[in-house]
Each structure stands twice: as structure tokens, then as C-alpha cells.
């Protein structure tokens, strides 16, 4: 760790008392790090509709969310039966990117699939 040298008291004319042989104090400088707050997390949700093919939803879950075929099928069926299903929980920027990718992919393939994010 670096040492900080602090000079002794000054005399009336601004010079150091005792000339070059002044007493010096040494100490250790420590930096305190502010506690980093964990980022807010967001749930990414798929919403059911009556038009998007189930197989397309499975492919999106595999491609965008890196789900296995089995996990993707399970989530897709949950969305189909319950109307909404969670694809994952992510920090804001990641969640936003995934929502955008799903929506872009759905539009390019002319499907009305909706994907949203909500703060956890």
C-alpha cells in the first residue's frame, strides 16, 4: 500500500520548523469502495394469441432464450394454456434486447406474437 508523508508544523515565515530534519508522520491510505447495488431484474414474458404457430414459439424460445427443445415445449404449452409464460429473468438491457429480438422475429415471419418485460 502507498504511504503518505505528512510534513510537520510550519514556522511563522512559511518554512518548516527544524529545517530538512523535520519530523514526518506516515500513514496508510485506504480506499473505501461504495457497495455496488445489484441491478434490477426483469421477467420476460410471452403472451398467447390464436394465430402464432406453436412450433414457431418453440423455435423462438430455443433461438432467443437458448432453451432446450424440452424446456421450450414446456414453456410454449404453459403460454398456450395459461395465456402467459415466463421465458427468463434478466437485467434490464438483456431483457430489453430479448423482447426486441422476439418481436422482430415475429414480425418478419408475419406472426402477432407478443413479448413483454416486467420488473421483478
PDB file of N, CA and C in Angstrom:
ATOM      1  N   UNK A   1       0.836  -1.183   0.000  1.00  0.00           N
ATOM      2  CA  UNK A   1       0.000   0.000   0.000  1.00  0.00           C
ATOM      3  C   UNK A   1       0.877   1.240   0.000  1.00  0.00           C
ATOM      4  N   UNK A   2       0.429   2.323  -0.619  1.00  0.00           N
ATOM      5  CA  UNK A   2       1.249   3.535  -0.664  1.00  0.00           C
ATOM      6  C   UNK A   2       1.263   4.217   0.700  1.00  0.00           C
ATOM      7  N   UNK A   3       2.363   4.910   0.954  1.00  0.00           N
ATOM      8  CA  UNK A   3       2.480   5.661   2.192  1.00  0.00           C
ATOM      9  C   UNK A   3       2.337   7.141   1.883  1.00  0.00           C
ATOM     10  N   UNK A   4       1.698   7.844   2.789  1.00  0.00           N
ATOM     11  CA  UNK A   4       1.541   9.283   2.639  1.00  0.00           C
ATOM     12  C   UNK A   4       2.421   9.939   3.688  1.00  0.00           C
ATOM     13  N   UNK A   5       3.219  10.882   3.247  1.00  0.00           N
ATOM     14  CA  UNK A   5       4.086  11.594   4.174  1.00  0.00           C
ATOM     15  C   UNK A   5       3.456  12.937   4.473  1.00  0.00           C
ATOM     16  N   UNK A   6       3.309  13.229   5.755  1.00  0.00           N
ATOM     17  CA  UNK A   6       2.725  14.495   6.168  1.00  0.00           C
ATOM     18  C   UNK A   6       3.820  15.288   6.864  1.00  0.00           C
ATOM     19  N   UNK A   7       4.071  16.484   6.360  1.00  0.00           N
ATOM     20  CA  UNK A   7       5.139  17.319   6.930  1.00  0.00           C
ATOM     21  C   UNK A   7       4.720  17.839   8.298  1.00  0.00           C
ATOM     22  N   UNK A   8       5.701  18.180   9.106  1.00  0.00           N
ATOM     23  CA  UNK A   8       5.455  18.743  10.442  1.00  0.00           C
ATOM     24  C   UNK A   8       4.911  20.158  10.349  1.00  0.00           C
ATOM     25  N   UNK A   9       4.665  20.808  11.495  1.00  0.00           N
ATOM     26  CA  UNK A   9       4.080  22.151  11.516  1.00  0.00           C
ATOM     27  C   UNK A   9       5.024  23.183  10.896  1.00  0.00           C
ATOM     28  N   UNK A  10       4.416  24.257  10.308  1.00  0.00           N
ATOM     29  CA  UNK A  10       5.197  25.326   9.682  1.00  0.00           C
ATOM     30  C   UNK A  10       5.561  26.375  10.724  1.00  0.00           C
ATOM     31  N   UNK A  11       6.695  27.076  10.486  1.00  0.00           N
ATOM     32  CA  UNK A  11       7.018  28.192  11.365  1.00  0.00           C
ATOM     33  C   UNK A  11       6.342  29.447  10.816  1.00  0.00           C
ATOM     34  N   UNK A  12       6.522  30.582  11.453  1.00  0.00           N
ATOM     35  CA  UNK A  12       5.811  31.808  11.102  1.00  0.00           C
ATOM     36  C   UNK A  12       6.080  32.299   9.693  1.00  0.00           C
ATOM     37  N   UNK A  13       7.252  32.050   9.109  1.00  0.00           N
ATOM     38  CA  UNK A  13       7.550  32.569   7.781  1.00  0.00           C
ATOM     39  C   UNK A  13       7.228  31.560   6.664  1.00  0.00           C
ATOM     40  N   UNK A  14       6.468  30.509   6.972  1.00  0.00           N
ATOM     41  CA  UNK A  14       6.032  29.562   5.958  1.00  0.00           C
ATOM     42  C   UNK A  14       6.968  28.399   5.769  1.00  0.00           C
ATOM     43  N   UNK A  15       8.180  28.435   6.329  1.00  0.00           N
ATOM     44  CA  UNK A  15       9.124  27.331   6.196  1.00  0.00           C
ATOM     45  C   UNK A  15       8.798  26.240   7.203  1.00  0.00           C
ATOM     46  N   UNK A  16       9.393  25.140   7.054  1.00  0.00           N
ATOM     47  CA  UNK A  16       9.184  24.050   8.002  1.00  0.00           C
ATOM     48  C   UNK A  16      10.087  24.251   9.205  1.00  0.00           C
ATOM     49  N   UNK A  17       9.547  23.992  10.373  1.00  0.00           N
ATOM     50  CA  UNK A  17      10.376  24.069  11.584  1.00  0.00           C
ATOM     51  C   UNK A  17      11.382  22.944  11.539  1.00  0.00           C
ATOM     52  N   UNK A  18      12.542  23.230  11.979  1.00  0.00           N
ATOM     53  CA  UNK A  18      13.554  22.192  12.085  1.00  0.00           C
ATOM     54  C   UNK A  18      14.296  21.944  10.789  1.00  0.00           C
ATOM     55  N   UNK A  19      14.093  22.741   9.763  1.00  0.00           N
ATOM     56  CA  UNK A  19      14.856  22.595   8.520  1.00  0.00           C
ATOM     57  C   UNK A  19      14.564  21.292   7.819  1.00  0.00           C
ATOM     58  N   UNK A  20      15.626  20.700   7.241  1.00  0.00           N
ATOM     59  CA  UNK A  20      15.452  19.470   6.467  1.00  0.00           C
ATOM     60  C   UNK A  20      15.225  18.248   7.344  1.00  0.00           C
ATOM     61  N   UNK A  21      15.511  18.368   8.640  1.00  0.00           N
ATOM     62  CA  UNK A  21      15.360  17.220   9.526  1.00  0.00           C
ATOM     63  C   UNK A  21      14.006  17.217  10.223  1.00  0.00           C
ATOM     64  N   UNK A  22      12.957  17.794   9.610  1.00  0.00           N
ATOM     65  CA  UNK A  22      11.629  17.868  10.236  1.00  0.00           C
ATOM     66  C   UNK A  22      11.076  16.460  10.443  1.00  0.00           C
ATOM     67  N   UNK A  23      10.247  16.356  11.468  1.00  0.00           N
ATOM     68  CA  UNK A  23       9.606  15.069  11.748  1.00  0.00           C
ATOM     69  C   UNK A  23       8.494  14.825  10.722  1.00  0.00           C
ATOM     70  N   UNK A  24       8.439  13.617  10.208  1.00  0.00           N
ATOM     71  CA  UNK A  24       7.383  13.260   9.259  1.00  0.00           C
ATOM     72  C   UNK A  24       6.539  12.162   9.870  1.00  0.00           C
ATOM     73  N   UNK A  25       5.250  12.240   9.584  1.00  0.00           N
ATOM     74  CA  UNK A  25       4.351  11.182  10.025  1.00  0.00           C
ATOM     75  C   UNK A  25       4.021  10.341   8.796  1.00  0.00           C
ATOM     76  N   UNK A  26       3.887   9.073   9.009  1.00  0.00           N
ATOM     77  CA  UNK A  26       3.490   8.205   7.899  1.00  0.00           C
ATOM     78  C   UNK A  26       2.167   7.546   8.245  1.00  0.00           C
ATOM     79  N   UNK A  27       1.401   7.235   7.228  1.00  0.00           N
ATOM     80  CA  UNK A  27       0.116   6.555   7.423  1.00  0.00           C
ATOM     81  C   UNK A  27      -0.217   5.765   6.168  1.00  0.00           C
ATOM     82  N   UNK A  28      -1.197   4.962   6.257  1.00  0.00           N
ATOM     83  CA  UNK A  28      -1.619   4.157   5.124  1.00  0.00           C
ATOM     84  C   UNK A  28      -2.899   4.743   4.553  1.00  0.00           C
ATOM     85  N   UNK A  29      -2.940   4.889   3.239  1.00  0.00           N
ATOM     86  CA  UNK A  29      -4.134   5.382   2.588  1.00  0.00           C
ATOM     87  C   UNK A  29      -4.967   4.173   2.178  1.00  0.00           C
ATOM     88  N   UNK A  30      -6.217   4.188   2.580  1.00  0.00           N
ATOM     89  CA  UNK A  30      -7.108   3.109   2.176  1.00  0.00           C
ATOM     90  C   UNK A  30      -8.278   3.715   1.430  1.00  0.00           C
ATOM     91  N   UNK A  31      -8.680   3.041   0.381  1.00  0.00           N
ATOM     92  CA  UNK A  31      -9.831   3.492  -0.388  1.00  0.00           C
ATOM     93  C   UNK A  31     -11.025   2.652   0.032  1.00  0.00           C
ATOM     94  N   UNK A  32     -12.136   3.311   0.271  1.00  0.00           N
ATOM     95  CA  UNK A  32     -13.348   2.556   0.570  1.00  0.00           C
ATOM     96  C   UNK A  32     -14.172   2.490  -0.702  1.00  0.00           C
ATOM     97  N   UNK A  33     -14.578   1.312  -1.037  1.00  0.00           N
ATOM     98  CA  UNK A  33     -15.384   1.118  -2.237  1.00  0.00           C
ATOM     99  C   UNK A  33     -16.849   1.225  -1.860  1.00  0.00           C
ATOM    100  N   UNK A  34     -17.600   1.974  -2.646  1.00  0.00           N
ATOM    101  CA  UNK A  34     -19.037   2.014  -2.366  1.00  0.00           C
ATOM    102  C   UNK A  34     -19.646   0.650  -2.684  1.00  0.00           C
ATOM    103  N   UNK A  35     -20.640   0.271  -1.912  1.00  0.00           N
ATOM    104  CA  UNK A  35     -21.283  -1.015  -2.175  1.00  0.00           C
ATOM    105  C   UNK A  35     -22.021  -0.922  -3.497  1.00  0.00           C
ATOM    106  N   UNK A  36     -21.779  -1.905  -4.356  1.00  0.00           N
ATOM    107  CA  UNK A  36     -22.456  -1.900  -5.645  1.00  0.00           C
ATOM    108  C   UNK A  36     -23.820  -2.545  -5.468  1.00  0.00           C
ATOM    109  N   UNK A  37     -24.832  -1.858  -5.967  1.00  0.00           N
ATOM    110  CA  UNK A  37     -26.194  -2.354  -5.866  1.00  0.00           C
ATOM    111  C   UNK A  37     -26.449  -3.322  -7.009  1.00  0.00           C
ATOM    112  N   UNK A  38     -27.113  -4.410  -6.714  1.00  0.00           N
ATOM    113  CA  UNK A  38     -27.451  -5.366  -7.761  1.00  0.00           C
ATOM    114  C   UNK A  38     -28.444  -4.713  -8.718  1.00  0.00           C
ATOM    115  N   UNK A  39     -28.294  -5.010 -10.011  1.00  0.00           N
ATOM    116  CA  UNK A  39     -29.225  -4.392 -10.965  1.00  0.00           C
ATOM    117  C   UNK A  39     -30.635  -4.949 -10.800  1.00  0.00           C
ATOM    118  N   UNK A  40     -31.616  -4.132 -11.126  1.00  0.00           N
ATOM    119  CA  UNK A  40     -32.998  -4.615 -11.099  1.00  0.00           C
ATOM    120  C   UNK A  40     -33.148  -5.698 -12.149  1.00  0.00           C
ATOM    121  N   UNK A  41     -33.961  -6.688 -11.829  1.00  0.00           N
ATOM    122  CA  UNK A  41     -34.188  -7.790 -12.758  1.00  0.00           C
ATOM    123  C   UNK A  41     -35.592  -7.688 -13.345  1.00  0.00           C
ATOM    124  N   UNK A  42     -35.702  -8.169 -14.580  1.00  0.00           N
ATOM    125  CA  UNK A  42     -36.959  -8.093 -15.311  1.00  0.00           C
ATOM    126  C   UNK A  42     -37.333  -9.457 -15.853  1.00  0.00           C
ATOM    127  N   UNK A  43     -38.607  -9.801 -15.689  1.00  0.00           N
ATOM    128  CA  UNK A  43     -39.135 -11.052 -16.245  1.00  0.00           C
ATOM    129  C   UNK A  43     -39.511 -10.803 -17.696  1.00  0.00           C
ATOM    130  N   UNK A  44     -39.114 -11.703 -18.578  1.00  0.00           N
ATOM    131  CA  UNK A  44     -39.508 -11.616 -19.975  1.00  0.00           C
ATOM    132  C   UNK A  44     -40.640 -12.626 -20.177  1.00  0.00           C
ATOM    133  N   UNK A  45     -41.773 -12.129 -20.686  1.00  0.00           N
ATOM    134  CA  UNK A  45     -42.981 -12.932 -20.800  1.00  0.00           C
ATOM    135  C   UNK A  45     -43.465 -13.015 -22.242  1.00  0.00           C
ATOM    136  N   UNK A  46     -43.932 -14.202 -22.612  1.00  0.00           N
ATOM    137  CA  UNK A  46     -44.602 -14.378 -23.902  1.00  0.00           C
ATOM    138  C   UNK A  46     -46.100 -14.403 -23.643  1.00  0.00           C
ATOM    139  N   UNK A  47     -46.856 -13.759 -24.546  1.00  0.00           N
ATOM    140  CA  UNK A  47     -48.310 -13.711 -24.421  1.00  0.00           C
ATOM    141  C   UNK A  47     -48.941 -14.598 -25.491  1.00  0.00           C
ATOM    142  N   UNK A  48     -49.965 -15.315 -25.108  1.00  0.00           N
ATOM    143  CA  UNK A  48     -50.638 -16.219 -26.041  1.00  0.00           C
ATOM    144  C   UNK A  48     -51.461 -15.440 -27.055  1.00  0.00           C
ATOM    145  N   UNK A  49     -51.565 -15.981 -28.247  1.00  0.00           N
ATOM    146  CA  UNK A  49     -52.502 -15.476 -29.252  1.00  0.00           C
ATOM    147  C   UNK A  49     -53.041 -16.683 -30.009  1.00  0.00           C
ATOM    148  N   UNK A  50     -54.064 -16.462 -30.804  1.00  0.00           N
ATOM    149  CA  UNK A  50     -54.704 -17.576 -31.502  1.00  0.00           C
ATOM    150  C   UNK A  50     -54.130 -17.844 -32.886  1.00  0.00           C
ATOM    151  N   UNK A  51     -53.059 -17.150 -33.248  1.00  0.00           N
ATOM    152  CA  UNK A  51     -52.569 -17.241 -34.620  1.00  0.00           C
ATOM    153  C   UNK A  51     -51.134 -17.739 -34.763  1.00  0.00           C
ATOM    154  N   UNK A  52     -50.266 -17.416 -33.815  1.00  0.00           N
ATOM    155  CA  UNK A  52     -48.858 -17.819 -33.933  1.00  0.00           C
ATOM    156  C   UNK A  52     -48.744 -19.333 -33.750  1.00  0.00           C
ATOM    157  N   UNK A  53     -48.124 -20.019 -34.706  1.00  0.00           N
ATOM    158  CA  UNK A  53     -47.974 -21.483 -34.589  1.00  0.00           C
ATOM    159  C   UNK A  53     -47.122 -21.872 -33.372  1.00  0.00           C
ATOM    160  N   UNK A  54     -47.510 -22.934 -32.738  1.00  0.00           N
ATOM    161  CA  UNK A  54     -46.797 -23.414 -31.555  1.00  0.00           C
ATOM    162  C   UNK A  54     -45.335 -23.724 -31.889  1.00  0.00           C
ATOM    163  N   UNK A  55     -45.118 -24.291 -33.046  1.00  0.00           N
ATOM    164  CA  UNK A  55     -43.741 -24.647 -33.435  1.00  0.00           C
ATOM    165  C   UNK A  55     -42.866 -23.403 -33.575  1.00  0.00           C
ATOM    166  N   UNK A  56     -43.460 -22.312 -34.060  1.00  0.00           N
ATOM    167  CA  UNK A  56     -42.711 -21.052 -34.169  1.00  0.00           C
ATOM    168  C   UNK A  56     -42.303 -20.555 -32.784  1.00  0.00           C
ATOM    169  N   UNK A  57     -43.211 -20.649 -31.825  1.00  0.00           N
ATOM    170  CA  UNK A  57     -42.923 -20.216 -30.445  1.00  0.00           C
ATOM    171  C   UNK A  57     -41.781 -21.054 -29.876  1.00  0.00           C
ATOM    172  N   UNK A  58     -41.806 -22.345 -30.121  1.00  0.00           N
ATOM    173  CA  UNK A  58     -40.736 -23.234 -29.649  1.00  0.00           C
ATOM    174  C   UNK A  58     -39.397 -22.815 -30.252  1.00  0.00           C
ATOM    175  N   UNK A  59     -39.381 -22.540 -31.545  1.00  0.00           N
ATOM    176  CA  UNK A  59     -38.140 -22.125 -32.205  1.00  0.00           C
ATOM    177  C   UNK A  59     -37.613 -20.799 -31.639  1.00  0.00           C
ATOM    178  N   UNK A  60     -38.506 -19.859 -31.370  1.00  0.00           N
ATOM    179  CA  UNK A  60     -38.105 -18.569 -30.791  1.00  0.00           C
ATOM    180  C   UNK A  60     -37.502 -18.788 -29.397  1.00  0.00           C
ATOM    181  N   UNK A  61     -38.127 -19.633 -28.607  1.00  0.00           N
ATOM    182  CA  UNK A  61     -37.613 -19.915 -27.260  1.00  0.00           C
ATOM    183  C   UNK A  61     -36.225 -20.554 -27.326  1.00  0.00           C
ATOM    184  N   UNK A  62     -36.007 -21.403 -28.305  1.00  0.00           N
ATOM    185  CA  UNK A  62     -34.701 -22.036 -28.460  1.00  0.00           C
ATOM    186  C   UNK A  62     -33.659 -21.028 -28.949  1.00  0.00           C
ATOM    187  N   UNK A  63     -34.049 -20.210 -29.913  1.00  0.00           N
ATOM    188  CA  UNK A  63     -33.106 -19.281 -30.534  1.00  0.00           C
ATOM    189  C   UNK A  63     -32.781 -18.085 -29.638  1.00  0.00           C
ATOM    190  N   UNK A  64     -33.789 -17.420 -29.134  1.00  0.00           N
ATOM    191  CA  UNK A  64     -33.585 -16.183 -28.371  1.00  0.00           C
ATOM    192  C   UNK A  64     -33.197 -16.461 -26.920  1.00  0.00           C
ATOM    193  N   UNK A  65     -33.803 -17.481 -26.330  1.00  0.00           N
ATOM    194  CA  UNK A  65     -33.598 -17.730 -24.897  1.00  0.00           C
ATOM    195  C   UNK A  65     -32.707 -18.938 -24.619  1.00  0.00           C
ATOM    196  N   UNK A  66     -32.176 -19.542 -25.664  1.00  0.00           N
ATOM    197  CA  UNK A  66     -31.276 -20.694 -25.528  1.00  0.00           C
ATOM    198  C   UNK A  66     -31.885 -21.840 -24.714  1.00  0.00           C
ATOM    199  N   UNK A  67     -33.166 -22.065 -24.900  1.00  0.00           N
ATOM    200  CA  UNK A  67     -33.843 -23.157 -24.191  1.00  0.00           C
ATOM    201  C   UNK A  67     -33.653 -24.460 -24.963  1.00  0.00           C
ATOM    202  N   UNK A  68     -33.616 -25.547 -24.223  1.00  0.00           N
ATOM    203  CA  UNK A  68     -33.592 -26.864 -24.872  1.00  0.00           C
ATOM    204  C   UNK A  68     -34.968 -27.080 -25.514  1.00  0.00           C
ATOM    205  N   UNK A  69     -35.041 -28.028 -26.416  1.00  0.00           N
ATOM    206  CA  UNK A  69     -36.336 -28.310 -27.068  1.00  0.00           C
ATOM    207  C   UNK A  69     -37.388 -28.673 -26.024  1.00  0.00           C
ATOM    208  N   UNK A  70     -37.006 -29.455 -25.033  1.00  0.00           N
ATOM    209  CA  UNK A  70     -37.955 -29.881 -23.996  1.00  0.00           C
ATOM    210  C   UNK A  70     -38.448 -28.685 -23.177  1.00  0.00           C
ATOM    211  N   UNK A  71     -37.516 -27.811 -22.759  1.00  0.00           N
ATOM    212  CA  UNK A  71     -37.903 -26.632 -21.975  1.00  0.00           C
ATOM    213  C   UNK A  71     -38.766 -25.692 -22.813  1.00  0.00           C
ATOM    214  N   UNK A  72     -38.405 -25.533 -24.075  1.00  0.00           N
ATOM    215  CA  UNK A  72     -39.172 -24.666 -24.964  1.00  0.00           C
ATOM    216  C   UNK A  72     -40.600 -25.187 -25.139  1.00  0.00           C
ATOM    217  N   UNK A  73     -40.736 -26.489 -25.295  1.00  0.00           N
ATOM    218  CA  UNK A  73     -42.075 -27.098 -25.422  1.00  0.00           C
ATOM    219  C   UNK A  73     -42.902 -26.855 -24.155  1.00  0.00           C
ATOM    220  N   UNK A  74     -42.262 -27.014 -23.023  1.00  0.00           N
ATOM    221  CA  UNK A  74     -42.945 -26.823 -21.744  1.00  0.00           C
ATOM    222  C   UNK A  74     -43.422 -25.371 -21.581  1.00  0.00           C
ATOM    223  N   UNK A  75     -42.568 -24.418 -21.894  1.00  0.00           N
ATOM    224  CA  UNK A  75     -42.937 -23.004 -21.788  1.00  0.00           C
ATOM    225  C   UNK A  75     -44.042 -22.675 -22.787  1.00  0.00           C
ATOM    226  N   UNK A  76     -43.913 -23.164 -24.008  1.00  0.00           N
ATOM    227  CA  UNK A  76     -44.918 -22.910 -25.047  1.00  0.00           C
ATOM    228  C   UNK A  76     -46.283 -23.437 -24.610  1.00  0.00           C
ATOM    229  N   UNK A  77     -46.318 -24.636 -24.059  1.00  0.00           N
ATOM    230  CA  UNK A  77     -47.593 -25.203 -23.599  1.00  0.00           C
ATOM    231  C   UNK A  77     -48.169 -24.390 -22.438  1.00  0.00           C
ATOM    232  N   UNK A  78     -47.304 -23.916 -21.567  1.00  0.00           N
ATOM    233  CA  UNK A  78     -47.754 -23.074 -20.454  1.00  0.00           C
ATOM    234  C   UNK A  78     -48.389 -21.783 -20.993  1.00  0.00           C
ATOM    235  N   UNK A  79     -47.725 -21.161 -21.966  1.00  0.00           N
ATOM    236  CA  UNK A  79     -48.256 -19.937 -22.588  1.00  0.00           C
ATOM    237  C   UNK A  79     -49.608 -20.245 -23.240  1.00  0.00           C
ATOM    238  N   UNK A  80     -49.683 -21.364 -23.943  1.00  0.00           N
ATOM    239  CA  UNK A  80     -50.911 -21.759 -24.644  1.00  0.00           C
ATOM    240  C   UNK A  80     -52.071 -21.980 -23.668  1.00  0.00           C
ATOM    241  N   UNK A  81     -51.771 -22.627 -22.538  1.00  0.00           N
ATOM    242  CA  UNK A  81     -52.827 -22.977 -21.590  1.00  0.00           C
ATOM    243  C   UNK A  81     -53.176 -21.844 -20.619  1.00  0.00           C
ATOM    244  N   UNK A  82     -52.178 -21.073 -20.210  1.00  0.00           N
ATOM    245  CA  UNK A  82     -52.398 -20.047 -19.181  1.00  0.00           C
ATOM    246  C   UNK A  82     -52.500 -18.630 -19.750  1.00  0.00           C
ATOM    247  N   UNK A  83     -52.105 -18.458 -21.018  1.00  0.00           N
ATOM    248  CA  UNK A  83     -52.185 -17.140 -21.633  1.00  0.00           C
ATOM    249  C   UNK A  83     -50.908 -16.328 -21.551  1.00  0.00           C
ATOM    250  N   UNK A  84     -50.009 -16.725 -20.662  1.00  0.00           N
ATOM    251  CA  UNK A  84     -48.732 -16.016 -20.500  1.00  0.00           C
ATOM    252  C   UNK A  84     -47.720 -16.992 -19.907  1.00  0.00           C
ATOM    253  N   UNK A  85     -46.450 -16.805 -20.263  1.00  0.00           N
ATOM    254  CA  UNK A  85     -45.402 -17.668 -19.713  1.00  0.00           C
ATOM    255  C   UNK A  85     -44.080 -16.938 -19.631  1.00  0.00           C
ATOM    256  N   UNK A  86     -43.323 -17.269 -18.607  1.00  0.00           N
ATOM    257  CA  UNK A  86     -42.017 -16.632 -18.377  1.00  0.00           C
ATOM    258  C   UNK A  86     -40.922 -17.342 -19.161  1.00  0.00           C
ATOM    259  N   UNK A  87     -40.151 -16.533 -19.889  1.00  0.00           N
ATOM    260  CA  UNK A  87     -39.034 -17.072 -20.673  1.00  0.00           C
ATOM    261  C   UNK A  87     -37.722 -16.990 -19.916  1.00  0.00           C
ATOM    262  N   UNK A  88     -37.630 -16.075 -18.959  1.00  0.00           N
ATOM    263  CA  UNK A  88     -36.414 -15.896 -18.188  1.00  0.00           C
ATOM    264  C   UNK A  88     -36.438 -14.582 -17.428  1.00  0.00           C
ATOM    265  N   UNK A  89     -35.433 -14.417 -16.564  1.00  0.00           N
ATOM    266  CA  UNK A  89     -35.296 -13.202 -15.759  1.00  0.00           C
ATOM    267  C   UNK A  89     -33.898 -12.651 -16.003  1.00  0.00           C
ATOM    268  N   UNK A  90     -33.832 -11.361 -16.360  1.00  0.00           N
ATOM    269  CA  UNK A  90     -32.576 -10.759 -16.805  1.00  0.00           C
ATOM    270  C   UNK A  90     -32.444  -9.319 -16.315  1.00  0.00           C
ATOM    271  N   UNK A  91     -31.215  -8.793 -16.325  1.00  0.00           N
ATOM    272  CA  UNK A  91     -31.038  -7.348 -16.102  1.00  0.00           C
ATOM    273  C   UNK A  91     -31.740  -6.585 -17.234  1.00  0.00           C
ATOM    274  N   UNK A  92     -32.038  -5.324 -17.011  1.00  0.00           N
ATOM    275  CA  UNK A  92     -32.834  -4.517 -17.932  1.00  0.00           C
ATOM    276  C   UNK A  92     -32.379  -4.612 -19.391  1.00  0.00           C
ATOM    277  N   UNK A  93     -31.101  -4.352 -19.652  1.00  0.00           N
ATOM    278  CA  UNK A  93     -30.618  -4.300 -21.032  1.00  0.00           C
ATOM    279  C   UNK A  93     -30.756  -5.637 -21.742  1.00  0.00           C
ATOM    280  N   UNK A  94     -30.490  -6.710 -21.018  1.00  0.00           N
ATOM    281  CA  UNK A  94     -30.601  -8.053 -21.608  1.00  0.00           C
ATOM    282  C   UNK A  94     -32.068  -8.367 -21.904  1.00  0.00           C
ATOM    283  N   UNK A  95     -32.937  -8.063 -20.938  1.00  0.00           N
ATOM    284  CA  UNK A  95     -34.374  -8.316 -21.121  1.00  0.00           C
ATOM    285  C   UNK A  95     -34.898  -7.522 -22.313  1.00  0.00           C
ATOM    286  N   UNK A  96     -34.517  -6.262 -22.402  1.00  0.00           N
ATOM    287  CA  UNK A  96     -34.967  -5.392 -23.489  1.00  0.00           C
ATOM    288  C   UNK A  96     -34.529  -5.944 -24.849  1.00  0.00           C
ATOM    289  N   UNK A  97     -33.298  -6.408 -24.919  1.00  0.00           N
ATOM    290  CA  UNK A  97     -32.773  -6.975 -26.156  1.00  0.00           C
ATOM    291  C   UNK A  97     -33.541  -8.228 -26.557  1.00  0.00           C
ATOM    292  N   UNK A  98     -33.832  -9.078 -25.599  1.00  0.00           N
ATOM    293  CA  UNK A  98     -34.557 -10.325 -25.893  1.00  0.00           C
ATOM    294  C   UNK A  98     -35.981 -10.020 -26.368  1.00  0.00           C
ATOM    295  N   UNK A  99     -36.656  -9.072 -25.724  1.00  0.00           N
ATOM    296  CA  UNK A  99     -38.004  -8.686 -26.147  1.00  0.00           C
ATOM    297  C   UNK A  99     -37.960  -8.179 -27.589  1.00  0.00           C
ATOM    298  N   UNK A 100     -36.992  -7.336 -27.889  1.00  0.00           N
ATOM    299  CA  UNK A 100     -36.857  -6.782 -29.238  1.00  0.00           C
ATOM    300  C   UNK A 100     -36.609  -7.887 -30.260  1.00  0.00           C
ATOM    301  N   UNK A 101     -35.742  -8.829 -29.926  1.00  0.00           N
ATOM    302  CA  UNK A 101     -35.450  -9.933 -30.850  1.00  0.00           C
ATOM    303  C   UNK A 101     -36.696 -10.767 -31.133  1.00  0.00           C
ATOM    304  N   UNK A 102     -37.471 -11.062 -30.077  1.00  0.00           N
ATOM    305  CA  UNK A 102     -38.693 -11.857 -30.263  1.00  0.00           C
ATOM    306  C   UNK A 102     -39.670 -11.103 -31.159  1.00  0.00           C
ATOM    307  N   UNK A 103     -39.889  -9.830 -30.859  1.00  0.00           N
ATOM    308  CA  UNK A 103     -40.856  -9.035 -31.616  1.00  0.00           C
ATOM    309  C   UNK A 103     -40.414  -8.892 -33.076  1.00  0.00           C
ATOM    310  N   UNK A 104     -39.131  -8.649 -33.310  1.00  0.00           N
ATOM    311  CA  UNK A 104     -38.622  -8.519 -34.679  1.00  0.00           C
ATOM    312  C   UNK A 104     -38.790  -9.826 -35.455  1.00  0.00           C
ATOM    313  N   UNK A 105     -38.458 -10.934 -34.810  1.00  0.00           N
ATOM    314  CA  UNK A 105     -38.571 -12.247 -35.455  1.00  0.00           C
ATOM    315  C   UNK A 105     -40.025 -12.554 -35.788  1.00  0.00           C
ATOM    316  N   UNK A 106     -40.929 -12.250 -34.866  1.00  0.00           N
ATOM    317  CA  UNK A 106     -42.350 -12.499 -35.104  1.00  0.00           C
ATOM    318  C   UNK A 106     -42.853 -11.664 -36.284  1.00  0.00           C
ATOM    319  N   UNK A 107     -42.489 -10.387 -36.314  1.00  0.00           N
ATOM    320  CA  UNK A 107     -42.947  -9.503 -37.402  1.00  0.00           C
ATOM    321  C   UNK A 107     -42.403  -9.961 -38.758  1.00  0.00           C
ATOM    322  N   UNK A 108     -41.128 -10.321 -38.781  1.00  0.00           N
ATOM    323  CA  UNK A 108     -40.512 -10.768 -40.039  1.00  0.00           C
ATOM    324  C   UNK A 108     -41.204 -12.025 -40.589  1.00  0.00           C
ATOM    325  N   UNK A 109     -41.746 -12.818 -39.658  1.00  0.00           N
ATOM    326  CA  UNK A 109     -42.435 -14.041 -40.055  1.00  0.00           C
ATOM    327  C   UNK A 109     -43.953 -13.869 -40.076  1.00  0.00           C
ATOM    328  N   UNK A 110     -44.385 -12.632 -39.979  1.00  0.00           N
ATOM    329  CA  UNK A 110     -45.804 -12.261 -40.044  1.00  0.00           C
ATOM    330  C   UNK A 110     -46.669 -12.965 -39.002  1.00  0.00           C
ATOM    331  N   UNK A 111     -46.130 -13.023 -37.759  1.00  0.00           N
ATOM    332  CA  UNK A 111     -46.899 -13.574 -36.641  1.00  0.00           C
ATOM    333  C   UNK A 111     -47.165 -12.468 -35.628  1.00  0.00           C
ATOM    334  N   UNK A 112     -48.327 -12.517 -34.972  1.00  0.00           N
ATOM    335  CA  UNK A 112     -48.666 -11.472 -33.995  1.00  0.00           C
ATOM    336  C   UNK A 112     -48.137 -11.735 -32.576  1.00  0.00           C
ATOM    337  N   UNK A 113     -47.181 -12.627 -32.441  1.00  0.00           N
ATOM    338  CA  UNK A 113     -46.641 -12.974 -31.129  1.00  0.00           C
ATOM    339  C   UNK A 113     -46.197 -11.728 -30.370  1.00  0.00           C
ATOM    340  N   UNK A 114     -46.585 -11.643 -29.103  1.00  0.00           N
ATOM    341  CA  UNK A 114     -46.220 -10.508 -28.247  1.00  0.00           C
ATOM    342  C   UNK A 114     -45.291 -10.981 -27.138  1.00  0.00           C
ATOM    343  N   UNK A 115     -44.300 -10.150 -26.862  1.00  0.00           N
ATOM    344  CA  UNK A 115     -43.330 -10.421 -25.799  1.00  0.00           C
ATOM    345  C   UNK A 115     -43.166  -9.125 -25.013  1.00  0.00           C
ATOM    346  N   UNK A 116     -43.234  -9.239 -23.693  1.00  0.00           N
ATOM    347  CA  UNK A 116     -43.126  -8.060 -22.832  1.00  0.00           C
ATOM    348  C   UNK A 116     -42.160  -8.347 -21.691  1.00  0.00           C
ATOM    349  N   UNK A 117     -41.774  -7.269 -20.997  1.00  0.00           N
ATOM    350  CA  UNK A 117     -40.933  -7.456 -19.813  1.00  0.00           C
ATOM    351  C   UNK A 117     -41.579  -6.703 -18.665  1.00  0.00           C
ATOM    352  N   UNK A 118     -41.391  -7.239 -17.445  1.00  0.00           N
ATOM    353  CA  UNK A 118     -41.910  -6.556 -16.264  1.00  0.00           C
ATOM    354  C   UNK A 118     -40.891  -6.651 -15.155  1.00  0.00           C
ATOM    355  N   UNK A 119     -40.821  -5.579 -14.360  1.00  0.00           N
ATOM    356  CA  UNK A 119     -39.877  -5.544 -13.262  1.00  0.00           C
ATOM    357  C   UNK A 119     -40.236  -6.613 -12.252  1.00  0.00           C
ATOM    358  N   UNK A 120     -39.235  -7.300 -11.779  1.00  0.00           N
ATOM    359  CA  UNK A 120     -39.479  -8.381 -10.820  1.00  0.00           C
ATOM    360  C   UNK A 120     -39.650  -7.829  -9.433  1.00  0.00           C
TER     361      UNK A 120
END
